C-alpha cells in the first residue's frame, strides 16, 4: 500500500512509479544498509553522494536526483 501523503515507502523505486504517484525525490525515504556503521546503529541523512553503494547509486540515477532523505542502517563489517 502507498500512503496518499508523504512520506512514501516504495519497495522498488523507479521513475515510472515516482511519476505515477507524482512523487518528488524529497518525498521518498531511501532505507539502505551501511557497512561503515556498527550493527543496528541508524542515521538519517538528506542528500549527498552514493559513497560507493550501488543500490543508492541506482536510485539516484533512476530519480535523476540525490535529494532524497536516507535512513542508513548499520550492518557492520564482517
Protein backbone atom coordinates (compact mmCIF):
# COMPACT_ATOMS: atom_id res chain seq x y z
CA UNK A 1 0.00 0.00 0.00
CA UNK A 2 1.11 3.53 -0.72
CA UNK A 3 0.07 6.34 1.56
CA UNK A 4 -1.65 9.32 -0.04
CA UNK A 5 0.52 11.76 1.88
CA UNK A 6 4.30 11.90 2.36
CA UNK A 7 6.43 10.13 3.38
CA UNK A 8 6.05 7.40 0.80
CA UNK A 9 7.64 3.98 1.16
CA UNK A 10 8.22 2.11 -2.07
CA UNK A 11 9.83 -1.31 -2.13
CA UNK A 12 11.33 -0.60 -5.52
CA UNK A 13 11.97 2.90 -6.78
CA UNK A 14 11.59 3.58 -10.45
CA UNK A 15 10.92 6.67 -12.49
CA UNK A 16 7.55 5.28 -13.60
CA UNK A 17 6.36 4.65 -10.01
CA UNK A 18 7.54 8.07 -8.93
CA UNK A 19 5.65 9.61 -11.85
CA UNK A 20 2.50 7.54 -11.25
CA UNK A 21 2.26 8.76 -7.66
CA UNK A 22 3.51 12.25 -8.54
CA UNK A 23 6.45 11.92 -6.14
CA UNK A 24 9.43 14.19 -5.85
CA UNK A 25 12.75 12.73 -4.65
CA UNK A 26 12.38 14.53 -1.32
CA UNK A 27 9.08 12.66 -0.76
CA UNK A 28 10.81 9.24 -0.87
CA UNK A 29 12.74 7.80 2.10
CA UNK A 30 15.59 5.62 0.91
CA UNK A 31 16.43 2.94 3.50
CA UNK A 32 19.73 1.15 2.93
CA UNK A 33 22.48 -0.81 4.66
CA UNK A 34 25.78 0.79 5.70
CA UNK A 35 28.94 -1.25 6.27
CA UNK A 36 30.67 1.65 8.00
CA UNK A 37 28.10 1.86 10.81
CA UNK A 38 28.03 -0.56 13.73
CA UNK A 39 25.37 -3.27 13.61
CA UNK A 40 21.97 -1.80 14.48
CA UNK A 41 23.04 1.86 14.50
CA UNK A 42 20.78 4.12 12.46
CA UNK A 43 21.44 7.53 10.92
CA UNK A 44 19.26 9.86 8.89
CA UNK A 45 20.82 11.97 6.17
CA UNK A 46 19.49 14.27 3.46
CA UNK A 47 21.12 14.05 0.05
CA UNK A 48 24.77 13.53 -0.73
CA UNK A 49 26.67 11.03 -2.83
CA UNK A 50 26.20 7.28 -3.05
CA UNK A 51 29.56 6.72 -1.29
CA UNK A 52 30.15 3.57 -3.33
CA UNK A 53 26.78 1.95 -2.55
CA UNK A 54 25.46 0.53 -5.82
CA UNK A 55 21.83 0.46 -4.65
CA UNK A 56 21.92 4.13 -3.68
CA UNK A 57 23.69 4.95 -6.95
CA UNK A 58 20.90 3.18 -8.84
CA UNK A 59 18.19 5.17 -7.01
CA UNK A 60 20.00 8.46 -7.65
CA UNK A 61 20.27 7.55 -11.32
CA UNK A 62 16.61 6.49 -11.63
CA UNK A 63 15.29 9.62 -9.93
CA UNK A 64 17.84 11.99 -11.52
CA UNK A 65 18.43 13.49 -8.08
CA UNK A 66 20.32 12.84 -4.86
CA UNK A 67 18.00 14.93 -2.68
CA UNK A 68 16.03 12.11 -1.08
CA UNK A 69 16.17 11.59 2.70
CA UNK A 70 18.12 8.45 3.59
CA UNK A 71 17.87 6.12 6.53
CA UNK A 72 21.21 4.34 6.88
CA UNK A 73 21.07 1.12 8.90
CA UNK A 74 24.38 -0.20 10.18
CA UNK A 75 25.30 -3.78 9.37
CA UNK A 76 28.95 -3.57 10.49
CA UNK A 77 31.91 -5.16 8.81
CA UNK A 78 32.44 -8.94 8.93
